[in-house]
Amino acid sequence: MNVRMEQTVQHTGLIERYLATVRALPELAPGAARNLAWRSWSGDRAARQALIERHLWMVVEQAVRLSPLDRVMQSRLIASGNLVLVAAAERYRPWDDAEFAPFARAALLADTEKEVLPES
């Protein structure tokens, strides 16, 4: 096996483990997400981290749906999506915005259009 093929196989294994790890995280109830968001806005970094981690499933779901057979493209979409999710957690205002999941999903969809759709 050549070096490039070996790296691809290793990369695919890492992606599989990441997908399994994220899928194993339990979802938050909407009220729990809002509670984490309030704590995050008050400076609780652990709450912000939990809010992000417990919504990683949205990034994975979107990457797999957009590129079901291409693990390399999925990893690019996941990397980009994770950054968008972090930015969404920073911009989310629990007193103004809807629940976090729809807020974050809208940000992910807007970013994905830039990543996946051809420029016109």
PDB file of N, CA and C in Angstrom:
ATOM      1  N   MET A   1       0.859  -1.172   0.000  1.00  0.00           N
ATOM      2  CA  MET A   1       0.000   0.000   0.000  1.00  0.00           C
ATOM      3  C   MET A   1       0.907   1.238   0.000  1.00  0.00           C
ATOM      4  N   ASN A   2       0.617   2.183  -0.879  1.00  0.00           N
ATOM      5  CA  ASN A   2       1.452   3.381  -0.925  1.00  0.00           C
ATOM      6  C   ASN A   2       1.123   4.304   0.248  1.00  0.00           C
ATOM      7  N   VAL A   3       1.970   5.291   0.457  1.00  0.00           N
ATOM      8  CA  VAL A   3       1.854   6.178   1.622  1.00  0.00           C
ATOM      9  C   VAL A   3       0.535   6.944   1.598  1.00  0.00           C
ATOM     10  N   ARG A   4       0.153   7.455   0.433  1.00  0.00           N
ATOM     11  CA  ARG A   4      -1.101   8.231   0.327  1.00  0.00           C
ATOM     12  C   ARG A   4      -2.305   7.373   0.697  1.00  0.00           C
ATOM     13  N   MET A   5      -2.340   6.144   0.204  1.00  0.00           N
ATOM     14  CA  MET A   5      -3.446   5.239   0.501  1.00  0.00           C
ATOM     15  C   MET A   5      -3.465   4.908   1.995  1.00  0.00           C
ATOM     16  N   GLU A   6      -2.299   4.715   2.575  1.00  0.00           N
ATOM     17  CA  GLU A   6      -2.203   4.413   4.003  1.00  0.00           C
ATOM     18  C   GLU A   6      -2.713   5.582   4.849  1.00  0.00           C
ATOM     19  N   GLN A   7      -2.371   6.810   4.443  1.00  0.00           N
ATOM     20  CA  GLN A   7      -2.850   7.988   5.165  1.00  0.00           C
ATOM     21  C   GLN A   7      -4.359   8.108   5.059  1.00  0.00           C
ATOM     22  N   THR A   8      -4.913   7.804   3.904  1.00  0.00           N
ATOM     23  CA  THR A   8      -6.361   7.861   3.708  1.00  0.00           C
ATOM     24  C   THR A   8      -7.055   6.844   4.600  1.00  0.00           C
ATOM     25  N   VAL A   9      -6.504   5.643   4.698  1.00  0.00           N
ATOM     26  CA  VAL A   9      -7.088   4.605   5.548  1.00  0.00           C
ATOM     27  C   VAL A   9      -7.034   5.038   7.014  1.00  0.00           C
ATOM     28  N   GLN A  10      -5.916   5.603   7.450  1.00  0.00           N
ATOM     29  CA  GLN A  10      -5.802   6.089   8.822  1.00  0.00           C
ATOM     30  C   GLN A  10      -6.789   7.219   9.075  1.00  0.00           C
ATOM     31  N   HIS A  11      -6.913   8.131   8.120  1.00  0.00           N
ATOM     32  CA  HIS A  11      -7.836   9.254   8.235  1.00  0.00           C
ATOM     33  C   HIS A  11      -9.269   8.750   8.357  1.00  0.00           C
ATOM     34  N   THR A  12      -9.619   7.764   7.541  1.00  0.00           N
ATOM     35  CA  THR A  12     -10.965   7.198   7.579  1.00  0.00           C
ATOM     36  C   THR A  12     -11.245   6.567   8.937  1.00  0.00           C
ATOM     37  N   GLY A  13     -10.264   5.903   9.508  1.00  0.00           N
ATOM     38  CA  GLY A  13     -10.431   5.314  10.832  1.00  0.00           C
ATOM     39  C   GLY A  13     -10.660   6.366  11.902  1.00  0.00           C
ATOM     40  N   LEU A  14      -9.947   7.470  11.804  1.00  0.00           N
ATOM     41  CA  LEU A  14     -10.134   8.567  12.766  1.00  0.00           C
ATOM     42  C   LEU A  14     -11.525   9.171  12.629  1.00  0.00           C
ATOM     43  N   ILE A  15     -11.975   9.345  11.408  1.00  0.00           N
ATOM     44  CA  ILE A  15     -13.312   9.904  11.173  1.00  0.00           C
ATOM     45  C   ILE A  15     -14.363   8.972  11.766  1.00  0.00           C
ATOM     46  N   GLU A  16     -14.217   7.675  11.540  1.00  0.00           N
ATOM     47  CA  GLU A  16     -15.181   6.701  12.070  1.00  0.00           C
ATOM     48  C   GLU A  16     -15.252   6.789  13.594  1.00  0.00           C
ATOM     49  N   ARG A  17     -14.098   6.902  14.245  1.00  0.00           N
ATOM     50  CA  ARG A  17     -14.094   7.002  15.702  1.00  0.00           C
ATOM     51  C   ARG A  17     -14.739   8.305  16.170  1.00  0.00           C
ATOM     52  N   TYR A  18     -14.456   9.395  15.467  1.00  0.00           N
ATOM     53  CA  TYR A  18     -15.055  10.678  15.823  1.00  0.00           C
ATOM     54  C   TYR A  18     -16.569  10.613  15.671  1.00  0.00           C
ATOM     55  N   LEU A  19     -17.044  10.067  14.554  1.00  0.00           N
ATOM     56  CA  LEU A  19     -18.484   9.951  14.329  1.00  0.00           C
ATOM     57  C   LEU A  19     -19.141   9.123  15.435  1.00  0.00           C
ATOM     58  N   ALA A  20     -18.514   8.020  15.808  1.00  0.00           N
ATOM     59  CA  ALA A  20     -19.065   7.167  16.863  1.00  0.00           C
ATOM     60  C   ALA A  20     -19.091   7.902  18.204  1.00  0.00           C
ATOM     61  N   THR A  21     -18.048   8.648  18.503  1.00  0.00           N
ATOM     62  CA  THR A  21     -17.988   9.395  19.762  1.00  0.00           C
ATOM     63  C   THR A  21     -19.082  10.452  19.828  1.00  0.00           C
ATOM     64  N   VAL A  22     -19.237  11.199  18.748  1.00  0.00           N
ATOM     65  CA  VAL A  22     -20.246  12.265  18.728  1.00  0.00           C
ATOM     66  C   VAL A  22     -21.647  11.669  18.800  1.00  0.00           C
ATOM     67  N   ARG A  23     -21.873  10.603  18.081  1.00  0.00           N
ATOM     68  CA  ARG A  23     -23.206   9.977  18.084  1.00  0.00           C
ATOM     69  C   ARG A  23     -23.554   9.383  19.443  1.00  0.00           C
ATOM     70  N   ALA A  24     -22.546   9.084  20.253  1.00  0.00           N
ATOM     71  CA  ALA A  24     -22.793   8.514  21.578  1.00  0.00           C
ATOM     72  C   ALA A  24     -23.173   9.580  22.619  1.00  0.00           C
ATOM     73  N   LEU A  25     -22.922  10.848  22.313  1.00  0.00           N
ATOM     74  CA  LEU A  25     -23.272  11.914  23.252  1.00  0.00           C
ATOM     75  C   LEU A  25     -24.788  12.073  23.302  1.00  0.00           C
ATOM     76  N   PRO A  26     -25.373  12.091  24.486  1.00  0.00           N
ATOM     77  CA  PRO A  26     -26.831  12.262  24.562  1.00  0.00           C
ATOM     78  C   PRO A  26     -27.243  13.689  24.190  1.00  0.00           C
ATOM     79  N   GLU A  27     -28.399  13.794  23.535  1.00  0.00           N
ATOM     80  CA  GLU A  27     -28.931  15.107  23.181  1.00  0.00           C
ATOM     81  C   GLU A  27     -29.421  15.822  24.427  1.00  0.00           C
ATOM     82  N   LEU A  28     -29.440  17.124  24.347  1.00  0.00           N
ATOM     83  CA  LEU A  28     -29.977  17.938  25.433  1.00  0.00           C
ATOM     84  C   LEU A  28     -31.444  18.231  25.182  1.00  0.00           C
ATOM     85  N   ALA A  29     -32.196  18.311  26.241  1.00  0.00           N
ATOM     86  CA  ALA A  29     -33.564  18.817  26.137  1.00  0.00           C
ATOM     87  C   ALA A  29     -33.470  20.306  25.853  1.00  0.00           C
ATOM     88  N   PRO A  30     -34.446  20.888  25.142  1.00  0.00           N
ATOM     89  CA  PRO A  30     -34.369  22.324  24.825  1.00  0.00           C
ATOM     90  C   PRO A  30     -34.149  23.202  26.052  1.00  0.00           C
ATOM     91  N   GLY A  31     -34.806  22.934  27.129  1.00  0.00           N
ATOM     92  CA  GLY A  31     -34.619  23.736  28.339  1.00  0.00           C
ATOM     93  C   GLY A  31     -33.220  23.622  28.898  1.00  0.00           C
ATOM     94  N   ALA A  32     -32.629  22.447  28.801  1.00  0.00           N
ATOM     95  CA  ALA A  32     -31.266  22.248  29.297  1.00  0.00           C
ATOM     96  C   ALA A  32     -30.270  23.027  28.449  1.00  0.00           C
ATOM     97  N   ALA A  33     -30.511  23.082  27.158  1.00  0.00           N
ATOM     98  CA  ALA A  33     -29.629  23.856  26.278  1.00  0.00           C
ATOM     99  C   ALA A  33     -29.710  25.340  26.620  1.00  0.00           C
ATOM    100  N   ARG A  34     -30.895  25.829  26.861  1.00  0.00           N
ATOM    101  CA  ARG A  34     -31.056  27.245  27.213  1.00  0.00           C
ATOM    102  C   ARG A  34     -30.385  27.536  28.559  1.00  0.00           C
ATOM    103  N   ASN A  35     -30.505  26.609  29.503  1.00  0.00           N
ATOM    104  CA  ASN A  35     -29.849  26.761  30.798  1.00  0.00           C
ATOM    105  C   ASN A  35     -28.332  26.839  30.625  1.00  0.00           C
ATOM    106  N   LEU A  36     -27.771  25.956  29.801  1.00  0.00           N
ATOM    107  CA  LEU A  36     -26.330  26.014  29.532  1.00  0.00           C
ATOM    108  C   LEU A  36     -25.956  27.340  28.878  1.00  0.00           C
ATOM    109  N   ALA A  37     -26.818  27.813  27.976  1.00  0.00           N
ATOM    110  CA  ALA A  37     -26.540  29.086  27.304  1.00  0.00           C
ATOM    111  C   ALA A  37     -26.519  30.249  28.297  1.00  0.00           C
ATOM    112  N   TRP A  38     -27.469  30.258  29.211  1.00  0.00           N
ATOM    113  CA  TRP A  38     -27.475  31.315  30.241  1.00  0.00           C
ATOM    114  C   TRP A  38     -26.199  31.258  31.068  1.00  0.00           C
ATOM    115  N   ARG A  39     -25.809  30.056  31.476  1.00  0.00           N
ATOM    116  CA  ARG A  39     -24.588  29.908  32.269  1.00  0.00           C
ATOM    117  C   ARG A  39     -23.359  30.326  31.457  1.00  0.00           C
ATOM    118  N   SER A  40     -23.370  29.984  30.170  1.00  0.00           N
ATOM    119  CA  SER A  40     -22.274  30.362  29.290  1.00  0.00           C
ATOM    120  C   SER A  40     -22.140  31.882  29.209  1.00  0.00           C
ATOM    121  N   TRP A  41     -23.285  32.574  29.054  1.00  0.00           N
ATOM    122  CA  TRP A  41     -23.262  34.038  28.980  1.00  0.00           C
ATOM    123  C   TRP A  41     -22.797  34.673  30.282  1.00  0.00           C
ATOM    124  N   SER A  42     -22.958  33.969  31.377  1.00  0.00           N
ATOM    125  CA  SER A  42     -22.493  34.525  32.655  1.00  0.00           C
ATOM    126  C   SER A  42     -21.024  34.187  32.908  1.00  0.00           C
ATOM    127  N   GLY A  43     -20.362  33.585  31.917  1.00  0.00           N
ATOM    128  CA  GLY A  43     -18.930  33.341  32.031  1.00  0.00           C
ATOM    129  C   GLY A  43     -18.530  31.919  32.348  1.00  0.00           C
ATOM    130  N   ASP A  44     -19.471  31.005  32.429  1.00  0.00           N
ATOM    131  CA  ASP A  44     -19.177  29.607  32.739  1.00  0.00           C
ATOM    132  C   ASP A  44     -18.662  28.911  31.475  1.00  0.00           C
ATOM    133  N   ARG A  45     -17.346  28.772  31.388  1.00  0.00           N
ATOM    134  CA  ARG A  45     -16.728  28.177  30.200  1.00  0.00           C
ATOM    135  C   ARG A  45     -17.082  26.698  30.048  1.00  0.00           C
ATOM    136  N   ALA A  46     -17.258  26.004  31.150  1.00  0.00           N
ATOM    137  CA  ALA A  46     -17.641  24.585  31.083  1.00  0.00           C
ATOM    138  C   ALA A  46     -19.041  24.439  30.484  1.00  0.00           C
ATOM    139  N   ALA A  47     -19.937  25.362  30.820  1.00  0.00           N
ATOM    140  CA  ALA A  47     -21.289  25.331  30.252  1.00  0.00           C
ATOM    141  C   ALA A  47     -21.238  25.589  28.752  1.00  0.00           C
ATOM    142  N   ARG A  48     -20.416  26.540  28.329  1.00  0.00           N
ATOM    143  CA  ARG A  48     -20.266  26.826  26.895  1.00  0.00           C
ATOM    144  C   ARG A  48     -19.720  25.604  26.160  1.00  0.00           C
ATOM    145  N   GLN A  49     -18.726  24.963  26.754  1.00  0.00           N
ATOM    146  CA  GLN A  49     -18.139  23.762  26.154  1.00  0.00           C
ATOM    147  C   GLN A  49     -19.186  22.650  26.055  1.00  0.00           C
ATOM    148  N   ALA A  50     -19.976  22.473  27.102  1.00  0.00           N
ATOM    149  CA  ALA A  50     -21.020  21.442  27.086  1.00  0.00           C
ATOM    150  C   ALA A  50     -22.078  21.755  26.034  1.00  0.00           C
ATOM    151  N   LEU A  51     -22.453  23.022  25.910  1.00  0.00           N
ATOM    152  CA  LEU A  51     -23.437  23.427  24.902  1.00  0.00           C
ATOM    153  C   LEU A  51     -22.939  23.069  23.504  1.00  0.00           C
ATOM    154  N   ILE A  52     -21.688  23.347  23.252  1.00  0.00           N
ATOM    155  CA  ILE A  52     -21.103  23.036  21.937  1.00  0.00           C
ATOM    156  C   ILE A  52     -21.025  21.523  21.734  1.00  0.00           C
ATOM    157  N   GLU A  53     -20.449  20.825  22.699  1.00  0.00           N
ATOM    158  CA  GLU A  53     -20.255  19.376  22.553  1.00  0.00           C
ATOM    159  C   GLU A  53     -21.573  18.635  22.368  1.00  0.00           C
ATOM    160  N   ARG A  54     -22.600  19.048  23.075  1.00  0.00           N
ATOM    161  CA  ARG A  54     -23.874  18.333  23.001  1.00  0.00           C
ATOM    162  C   ARG A  54     -24.660  18.652  21.729  1.00  0.00           C
ATOM    163  N   HIS A  55     -24.119  19.579  20.905  1.00  0.00           N
ATOM    164  CA  HIS A  55     -24.748  19.872  19.612  1.00  0.00           C
ATOM    165  C   HIS A  55     -23.854  19.492  18.435  1.00  0.00           C
ATOM    166  N   LEU A  56     -22.755  18.817  18.702  1.00  0.00           N
ATOM    167  CA  LEU A  56     -21.890  18.360  17.615  1.00  0.00           C
ATOM    168  C   LEU A  56     -22.619  17.400  16.677  1.00  0.00           C
ATOM    169  N   TRP A  57     -23.634  16.712  17.192  1.00  0.00           N
ATOM    170  CA  TRP A  57     -24.392  15.776  16.365  1.00  0.00           C
ATOM    171  C   TRP A  57     -24.982  16.477  15.142  1.00  0.00           C
ATOM    172  N   MET A  58     -25.342  17.753  15.274  1.00  0.00           N
ATOM    173  CA  MET A  58     -25.908  18.482  14.132  1.00  0.00           C
ATOM    174  C   MET A  58     -24.877  18.630  13.021  1.00  0.00           C
ATOM    175  N   VAL A  59     -23.643  18.897  13.391  1.00  0.00           N
ATOM    176  CA  VAL A  59     -22.567  19.043  12.413  1.00  0.00           C
ATOM    177  C   VAL A  59     -22.342  17.711  11.701  1.00  0.00           C
ATOM    178  N   VAL A  60     -22.263  16.643  12.477  1.00  0.00           N
ATOM    179  CA  VAL A  60     -22.040  15.313  11.905  1.00  0.00           C
ATOM    180  C   VAL A  60     -23.208  14.912  11.004  1.00  0.00           C
ATOM    181  N   GLU A  61     -24.421  15.117  11.480  1.00  0.00           N
ATOM    182  CA  GLU A  61     -25.608  14.774  10.694  1.00  0.00           C
ATOM    183  C   GLU A  61     -25.593  15.487   9.345  1.00  0.00           C
ATOM    184  N   GLN A  62     -25.280  16.758   9.365  1.00  0.00           N
ATOM    185  CA  GLN A  62     -25.262  17.537   8.133  1.00  0.00           C
ATOM    186  C   GLN A  62     -24.144  17.072   7.191  1.00  0.00           C
ATOM    187  N   ALA A  63     -22.961  16.806   7.716  1.00  0.00           N
ATOM    188  CA  ALA A  63     -21.836  16.360   6.888  1.00  0.00           C
ATOM    189  C   ALA A  63     -22.132  15.014   6.232  1.00  0.00           C
ATOM    190  N   VAL A  64     -22.697  14.105   6.999  1.00  0.00           N
ATOM    191  CA  VAL A  64     -23.016  12.773   6.459  1.00  0.00           C
ATOM    192  C   VAL A  64     -24.125  12.873   5.419  1.00  0.00           C
ATOM    193  N   ARG A  65     -25.107  13.730   5.672  1.00  0.00           N
ATOM    194  CA  ARG A  65     -26.215  13.889   4.716  1.00  0.00           C
ATOM    195  C   ARG A  65     -25.720  14.501   3.413  1.00  0.00           C
ATOM    196  N   LEU A  66     -24.825  15.473   3.491  1.00  0.00           N
ATOM    197  CA  LEU A  66     -24.349  16.151   2.288  1.00  0.00           C
ATOM    198  C   LEU A  66     -23.331  15.337   1.499  1.00  0.00           C
ATOM    199  N   SER A  67     -22.592  14.485   2.182  1.00  0.00           N
ATOM    200  CA  SER A  67     -21.551  13.712   1.512  1.00  0.00           C
ATOM    201  C   SER A  67     -21.489  12.309   2.108  1.00  0.00           C
ATOM    202  N   PRO A  68     -22.520  11.480   1.836  1.00  0.00           N
ATOM    203  CA  PRO A  68     -22.652  10.203   2.541  1.00  0.00           C
ATOM    204  C   PRO A  68     -21.520   9.199   2.307  1.00  0.00           C
ATOM    205  N   LEU A  69     -20.849   9.246   1.185  1.00  0.00           N
ATOM    206  CA  LEU A  69     -19.840   8.228   0.892  1.00  0.00           C
ATOM    207  C   LEU A  69     -18.406   8.754   0.903  1.00  0.00           C
ATOM    208  N   ASP A  70     -18.231  10.035   1.056  1.00  0.00           N
ATOM    209  CA  ASP A  70     -16.905  10.644   0.960  1.00  0.00           C
ATOM    210  C   ASP A  70     -16.441  11.100   2.346  1.00  0.00           C
ATOM    211  N   ARG A  71     -15.636  10.257   3.011  1.00  0.00           N
ATOM    212  CA  ARG A  71     -15.182  10.568   4.369  1.00  0.00           C
ATOM    213  C   ARG A  71     -14.260  11.783   4.403  1.00  0.00           C
ATOM    214  N   VAL A  72     -13.492  12.009   3.345  1.00  0.00           N
ATOM    215  CA  VAL A  72     -12.605  13.171   3.322  1.00  0.00           C
ATOM    216  C   VAL A  72     -13.438  14.449   3.278  1.00  0.00           C
ATOM    217  N   MET A  73     -14.458  14.484   2.428  1.00  0.00           N
ATOM    218  CA  MET A  73     -15.336  15.656   2.369  1.00  0.00           C
ATOM    219  C   MET A  73     -16.087  15.814   3.685  1.00  0.00           C
ATOM    220  N   GLN A  74     -16.522  14.710   4.283  1.00  0.00           N
ATOM    221  CA  GLN A  74     -17.191  14.786   5.582  1.00  0.00           C
ATOM    222  C   GLN A  74     -16.278  15.432   6.614  1.00  0.00           C
ATOM    223  N   SER A  75     -15.006  15.054   6.616  1.00  0.00           N
ATOM    224  CA  SER A  75     -14.087  15.628   7.609  1.00  0.00           C
ATOM    225  C   SER A  75     -13.916  17.127   7.380  1.00  0.00           C
ATOM    226  N   ARG A  76     -13.892  17.561   6.125  1.00  0.00           N
ATOM    227  CA  ARG A  76     -13.802  19.001   5.838  1.00  0.00           C
ATOM    228  C   ARG A  76     -15.063  19.719   6.313  1.00  0.00           C
ATOM    229  N   LEU A  77     -16.223  19.126   6.029  1.00  0.00           N
ATOM    230  CA  LEU A  77     -17.484  19.731   6.461  1.00  0.00           C
ATOM    231  C   LEU A  77     -17.588  19.772   7.984  1.00  0.00           C
ATOM    232  N   ILE A  78     -17.117  18.719   8.635  1.00  0.00           N
ATOM    233  CA  ILE A  78     -17.156  18.666  10.100  1.00  0.00           C
ATOM    234  C   ILE A  78     -16.225  19.722  10.690  1.00  0.00           C
ATOM    235  N   ALA A  79     -15.028  19.845  10.159  1.00  0.00           N
ATOM    236  CA  ALA A  79     -14.086  20.850  10.671  1.00  0.00           C
ATOM    237  C   ALA A  79     -14.672  22.248  10.533  1.00  0.00           C
ATOM    238  N   SER A  80     -15.204  22.537   9.366  1.00  0.00           N
ATOM    239  CA  SER A  80     -15.817  23.844   9.140  1.00  0.00           C
ATOM    240  C   SER A  80     -17.045  24.031  10.029  1.00  0.00           C
ATOM    241  N   GLY A  81     -17.874  22.996  10.104  1.00  0.00           N
ATOM    242  CA  GLY A  81     -19.094  23.060  10.907  1.00  0.00           C
ATOM    243  C   GLY A  81     -18.818  23.239  12.382  1.00  0.00           C
ATOM    244  N   ASN A  82     -17.763  22.618  12.878  1.00  0.00           N
ATOM    245  CA  ASN A  82     -17.425  22.772  14.291  1.00  0.00           C
ATOM    246  C   ASN A  82     -17.068  24.221  14.610  1.00  0.00           C
ATOM    247  N   LEU A  83     -16.355  24.869  13.703  1.00  0.00           N
ATOM    248  CA  LEU A  83     -16.030  26.289  13.906  1.00  0.00           C
ATOM    249  C   LEU A  83     -17.290  27.142  13.893  1.00  0.00           C
ATOM    250  N   VAL A  84     -18.212  26.811  12.997  1.00  0.00           N
ATOM    251  CA  VAL A  84     -19.481  27.548  12.929  1.00  0.00           C
ATOM    252  C   VAL A  84     -20.272  27.338  14.217  1.00  0.00           C
ATOM    253  N   LEU A  85     -20.260  26.118  14.744  1.00  0.00           N
ATOM    254  CA  LEU A  85     -20.977  25.820  15.979  1.00  0.00           C
ATOM    255  C   LEU A  85     -20.405  26.623  17.155  1.00  0.00           C
ATOM    256  N   VAL A  86     -19.095  26.719  17.222  1.00  0.00           N
ATOM    257  CA  VAL A  86     -18.456  27.521  18.282  1.00  0.00           C
ATOM    258  C   VAL A  86     -18.874  28.986  18.141  1.00  0.00           C
ATOM    259  N   ALA A  87     -18.835  29.503  16.918  1.00  0.00           N
ATOM    260  CA  ALA A  87     -19.238  30.899  16.695  1.00  0.00           C
ATOM    261  C   ALA A  87     -20.707  31.105  17.044  1.00  0.00           C
ATOM    262  N   ALA A  88     -21.550  30.127  16.716  1.00  0.00           N
ATOM    263  CA  ALA A  88     -22.978  30.233  17.043  1.00  0.00           C
ATOM    264  C   ALA A  88     -23.176  30.270  18.558  1.00  0.00           C
ATOM    265  N   ALA A  89     -22.415  29.460  19.287  1.00  0.00           N
ATOM    266  CA  ALA A  89     -22.521  29.459  20.750  1.00  0.00           C
ATOM    267  C   ALA A  89     -22.104  30.812  21.325  1.00  0.00           C
ATOM    268  N   GLU A  90     -21.152  31.452  20.689  1.00  0.00           N
ATOM    269  CA  GLU A  90     -20.705  32.760  21.157  1.00  0.00           C
ATOM    270  C   GLU A  90     -21.718  33.858  20.834  1.00  0.00           C
ATOM    271  N   ARG A  91     -22.431  33.721  19.722  1.00  0.00           N
ATOM    272  CA  ARG A  91     -23.404  34.748  19.310  1.00  0.00           C
ATOM    273  C   ARG A  91     -24.794  34.535  19.899  1.00  0.00           C
ATOM    274  N   TYR A  92     -25.089  33.327  20.347  1.00  0.00           N
ATOM    275  CA  TYR A  92     -26.432  32.985  20.812  1.00  0.00           C
ATOM    276  C   TYR A  92     -26.798  33.789  22.062  1.00  0.00           C
ATOM    277  N   ARG A  93     -27.976  34.355  22.030  1.00  0.00           N
ATOM    278  CA  ARG A  93     -28.489  35.126  23.171  1.00  0.00           C
ATOM    279  C   ARG A  93     -29.777  34.458  23.656  1.00  0.00           C
ATOM    280  N   PRO A  94     -29.711  33.774  24.781  1.00  0.00           N
ATOM    281  CA  PRO A  94     -30.880  33.021  25.236  1.00  0.00           C
ATOM    282  C   PRO A  94     -32.102  33.884  25.533  1.00  0.00           C
ATOM    283  N   TRP A  95     -31.908  35.155  25.768  1.00  0.00           N
ATOM    284  CA  TRP A  95     -33.042  36.034  26.055  1.00  0.00           C
ATOM    285  C   TRP A  95     -33.724  36.536  24.780  1.00  0.00           C
ATOM    286  N   ASP A  96     -33.034  36.471  23.632  1.00  0.00           N
ATOM    287  CA  ASP A  96     -33.594  36.976  22.375  1.00  0.00           C
ATOM    288  C   ASP A  96     -33.947  35.879  21.383  1.00  0.00           C
ATOM    289  N   ASP A  97     -33.044  34.933  21.235  1.00  0.00           N
ATOM    290  CA  ASP A  97     -33.137  33.954  20.158  1.00  0.00           C
ATOM    291  C   ASP A  97     -34.021  32.767  20.533  1.00  0.00           C
ATOM    292  N   ALA A  98     -34.389  31.998  19.508  1.00  0.00           N
ATOM    293  CA  ALA A  98     -35.133  30.758  19.718  1.00  0.00           C
ATOM    294  C   ALA A  98     -34.215  29.768  20.448  1.00  0.00           C
ATOM    295  N   GLU A  99     -34.640  28.541  20.533  1.00  0.00           N
ATOM    296  CA  GLU A  99     -33.779  27.521  21.146  1.00  0.00           C
ATOM    297  C   GLU A  99     -32.453  27.452  20.396  1.00  0.00           C
ATOM    298  N   PHE A 100     -31.431  26.941  21.052  1.00  0.00           N
ATOM    299  CA  PHE A 100     -30.096  26.936  20.459  1.00  0.00           C
ATOM    300  C   PHE A 100     -30.010  26.064  19.210  1.00  0.00           C
ATOM    301  N   ALA A 101     -30.616  24.895  19.216  1.00  0.00           N
ATOM    302  CA  ALA A 101     -30.478  23.977  18.075  1.00  0.00           C
ATOM    303  C   ALA A 101     -30.925  24.619  16.756  1.00  0.00           C
ATOM    304  N   PRO A 102     -32.118  25.231  16.671  1.00  0.00           N
ATOM    305  CA  PRO A 102     -32.485  25.878  15.405  1.00  0.00           C
ATOM    306  C   PRO A 102     -31.573  27.064  15.052  1.00  0.00           C
ATOM    307  N   PHE A 103     -31.128  27.785  16.066  1.00  0.00           N
ATOM    308  CA  PHE A 103     -30.220  28.908  15.841  1.00  0.00           C
ATOM    309  C   PHE A 103     -28.910  28.403  15.227  1.00  0.00           C
ATOM    310  N   ALA A 104     -28.346  27.353  15.815  1.00  0.00           N
ATOM    311  CA  ALA A 104     -27.091  26.792  15.324  1.00  0.00           C
ATOM    312  C   ALA A 104     -27.283  26.148  13.953  1.00  0.00           C
ATOM    313  N   ARG A 105     -28.401  25.467  13.749  1.00  0.00           N
ATOM    314  CA  ARG A 105     -28.664  24.819  12.460  1.00  0.00           C
ATOM    315  C   ARG A 105     -28.714  25.856  11.335  1.00  0.00           C
ATOM    316  N   ALA A 106     -29.336  26.997  11.580  1.00  0.00           N
ATOM    317  CA  ALA A 106     -29.397  28.055  10.566  1.00  0.00           C
ATOM    318  C   ALA A 106     -27.988  28.541  10.215  1.00  0.00           C
ATOM    319  N   ALA A 107     -27.127  28.692  11.223  1.00  0.00           N
ATOM    320  CA  ALA A 107     -25.749  29.115  10.977  1.00  0.00           C
ATOM    321  C   ALA A 107     -24.994  28.057  10.175  1.00  0.00           C
ATOM    322  N   LEU A 108     -25.209  26.786  10.511  1.00  0.00           N
ATOM    323  CA  LEU A 108     -24.557  25.701   9.777  1.00  0.00           C
ATOM    324  C   LEU A 108     -25.008  25.659   8.327  1.00  0.00           C
ATOM    325  N   LEU A 109     -26.298  25.808   8.102  1.00  0.00           N
ATOM    326  CA  LEU A 109     -26.813  25.777   6.730  1.00  0.00           C
ATOM    327  C   LEU A 109     -26.264  26.943   5.918  1.00  0.00           C
ATOM    328  N   ALA A 110     -26.201  28.115   6.502  1.00  0.00           N
ATOM    329  CA  ALA A 110     -25.658  29.272   5.798  1.00  0.00           C
ATOM    330  C   ALA A 110     -24.195  29.047   5.437  1.00  0.00           C
ATOM    331  N   ASP A 111     -23.428  28.473   6.341  1.00  0.00           N
ATOM    332  CA  ASP A 111     -22.015  28.214   6.072  1.00  0.00           C
ATOM    333  C   ASP A 111     -21.847  27.100   5.045  1.00  0.00           C
ATOM    334  N   THR A 112     -22.680  26.086   5.109  1.00  0.00           N
ATOM    335  CA  THR A 112     -22.573  24.959   4.192  1.00  0.00           C
ATOM    336  C   THR A 112     -22.837  25.386   2.761  1.00  0.00           C
ATOM    337  N   GLU A 113     -23.735  26.318   2.585  1.00  0.00           N
ATOM    338  CA  GLU A 113     -23.990  26.814   1.231  1.00  0.00           C
ATOM    339  C   GLU A 113     -22.706  27.367   0.623  1.00  0.00           C
ATOM    340  N   LYS A 114     -21.895  28.031   1.428  1.00  0.00           N
ATOM    341  CA  LYS A 114     -20.627  28.566   0.928  1.00  0.00           C
ATOM    342  C   LYS A 114     -19.649  27.433   0.604  1.00  0.00           C
ATOM    343  N   GLU A 115     -19.692  26.364   1.393  1.00  0.00           N
ATOM    344  CA  GLU A 115     -18.755  25.263   1.256  1.00  0.00           C
ATOM    345  C   GLU A 115     -19.120  24.313   0.117  1.00  0.00           C
ATOM    346  N   VAL A 116     -20.412  24.020  -0.035  1.00  0.00           N
ATOM    347  CA  VAL A 116     -20.830  22.946  -0.927  1.00  0.00           C
ATOM    348  C   VAL A 116     -21.347  23.441  -2.274  1.00  0.00           C
ATOM    349  N   LEU A 117     -22.126  24.503  -2.257  1.00  0.00           N
ATOM    350  CA  LEU A 117     -22.748  24.963  -3.492  1.00  0.00           C
ATOM    351  C   LEU A 117     -21.740  25.721  -4.351  1.00  0.00           C
ATOM    352  N   PRO A 118     -21.805  25.511  -5.672  1.00  0.00           N
ATOM    353  CA  PRO A 118     -20.889  26.248  -6.544  1.00  0.00           C
ATOM    354  C   PRO A 118     -21.240  27.732  -6.559  1.00  0.00           C
ATOM    355  N   GLU A 119     -20.223  28.539  -6.757  1.00  0.00           N
ATOM    356  CA  GLU A 119     -20.468  29.981  -6.823  1.00  0.00           C
ATOM    357  C   GLU A 119     -21.153  30.317  -8.127  1.00  0.00           C
ATOM    358  N   SER A 120     -22.059  31.299  -8.086  1.00  0.00           N
ATOM    359  CA  SER A 120     -22.767  31.671  -9.313  1.00  0.00           C
ATOM    360  C   SER A 120     -22.181  32.906  -9.938  1.00  0.00           C
TER     361      SER A 120
END
